[in-house]
Amino acid sequence: MDNKKIGALIAKLRKENGLTQQQLGDKVGVGSRAVSKWECGITVPDISIINELSEILGISSNELLSGEINKNKETKSIKQENPTIKKRN
């Protein structure tokens, strides 16, 4: 687990969802200081809120814990939006 990568991903997705640190903290039952510590890579979210946090951010818990969005997931959505892209077998 890379605390810095996880924190950077949380910050990126929080901002994309238009949430402040306080709003995200309120949604998962922690303070804005805890969210700030996650985003700075000082700490990581407690395991008890990983599922709820990943759901709020729109990613899987595996993606959250790896600090990376699954590229296959992005490719799949691009293919669905553009039907002219053919699947490779």
Protein backbone atom coordinates (compact mmCIF):
# COMPACT_ATOMS: atom_id res chain seq x y z
CA MET A 1 0.00 0.00 0.00
CA ASP A 2 1.32 3.39 -1.00
CA ASN A 3 -0.17 6.06 1.27
CA LYS A 4 0.80 8.88 -1.11
CA LYS A 5 -0.90 7.22 -4.12
CA ILE A 6 -4.03 6.46 -2.11
CA GLY A 7 -4.14 10.02 -0.81
CA ALA A 8 -3.66 11.53 -4.25
CA LEU A 9 -6.48 9.39 -5.64
CA ILE A 10 -8.83 10.33 -2.80
CA ALA A 11 -8.08 14.03 -3.34
CA LYS A 12 -8.57 13.79 -7.10
CA LEU A 13 -11.88 11.95 -6.87
CA ARG A 14 -13.16 14.11 -4.00
CA LYS A 15 -12.57 17.23 -6.09
CA GLU A 16 -14.11 15.64 -9.21
CA ASN A 17 -17.22 14.91 -7.14
CA GLY A 18 -17.36 18.52 -5.95
CA LEU A 19 -16.89 17.66 -2.28
CA THR A 20 -14.93 19.53 0.35
CA GLN A 21 -12.81 17.60 2.83
CA GLN A 22 -15.46 18.36 5.47
CA GLN A 23 -18.29 17.05 3.27
CA LEU A 24 -16.44 13.82 2.50
CA GLY A 25 -15.56 13.39 6.15
CA ASP A 26 -19.18 13.92 7.17
CA LYS A 27 -20.31 11.23 4.73
CA VAL A 28 -18.02 8.61 6.28
CA GLY A 29 -18.11 9.82 9.88
CA VAL A 30 -14.68 11.39 10.26
CA GLY A 31 -13.43 14.96 10.52
CA SER A 32 -11.91 17.08 7.79
CA ARG A 33 -8.50 16.69 9.46
CA ALA A 34 -8.65 12.92 8.91
CA VAL A 35 -9.44 13.46 5.22
CA SER A 36 -6.56 15.93 4.99
CA LYS A 37 -4.18 13.35 6.53
CA TRP A 38 -5.33 10.75 3.98
CA GLU A 39 -4.80 13.14 1.10
CA CYS A 40 -1.31 14.08 2.34
CA GLY A 41 -0.38 10.40 2.67
CA ILE A 42 0.16 10.65 6.43
CA THR A 43 -2.50 8.04 7.20
CA VAL A 44 -4.95 5.90 5.25
CA PRO A 45 -8.68 5.44 5.87
CA ASP A 46 -9.64 2.88 8.48
CA ILE A 47 -10.58 -0.49 7.02
CA SER A 48 -14.08 -0.13 8.49
CA ILE A 49 -14.92 2.72 6.07
CA ILE A 50 -13.11 1.56 2.92
CA ASN A 51 -16.24 0.16 1.24
CA GLU A 52 -18.35 3.22 2.02
CA LEU A 53 -15.58 5.61 0.94
CA SER A 54 -14.96 3.79 -2.34
CA GLU A 55 -18.69 3.81 -3.09
CA ILE A 56 -18.87 7.57 -2.49
CA LEU A 57 -15.84 8.12 -4.74
CA GLY A 58 -17.23 5.79 -7.44
CA ILE A 59 -14.43 3.23 -7.46
CA SER A 60 -13.89 -0.27 -6.11
CA SER A 61 -12.23 -0.85 -2.76
CA ASN A 62 -9.35 -2.58 -4.61
CA GLU A 63 -8.81 0.53 -6.71
CA LEU A 64 -8.88 2.72 -3.61
CA LEU A 65 -6.35 0.56 -1.77
CA SER A 66 -4.04 0.37 -4.79
CA GLY A 67 -4.28 4.11 -5.40
CA GLU A 68 -5.00 3.49 -9.09
CA ILE A 69 -8.12 3.32 -11.19
CA ASN A 70 -8.38 0.08 -13.15
CA LYS A 71 -7.48 0.94 -16.74
CA ASN A 72 -9.64 -1.90 -18.10
CA LYS A 73 -12.62 -0.24 -16.47
CA GLU A 74 -11.89 3.02 -18.31
CA THR A 75 -11.38 1.20 -21.61
CA LYS A 76 -14.68 -0.61 -21.20
CA SER A 77 -16.60 2.64 -20.75
CA ILE A 78 -14.86 4.18 -23.78
CA LYS A 79 -15.87 1.17 -25.90
CA GLN A 80 -19.46 1.48 -24.73
CA GLU A 81 -19.52 5.16 -25.69
CA ASN A 82 -17.94 4.54 -29.09
CA PRO A 83 -19.40 1.43 -30.75
CA THR A 84 -17.01 1.71 -33.71
CA ILE A 85 -14.17 0.45 -31.53
CA LYS A 86 -14.00 -3.30 -31.98
CA LYS A 87 -13.18 -5.75 -29.24
CA ARG A 88 -9.99 -7.74 -29.56
CA ASN A 89 -10.26 -11.48 -29.11
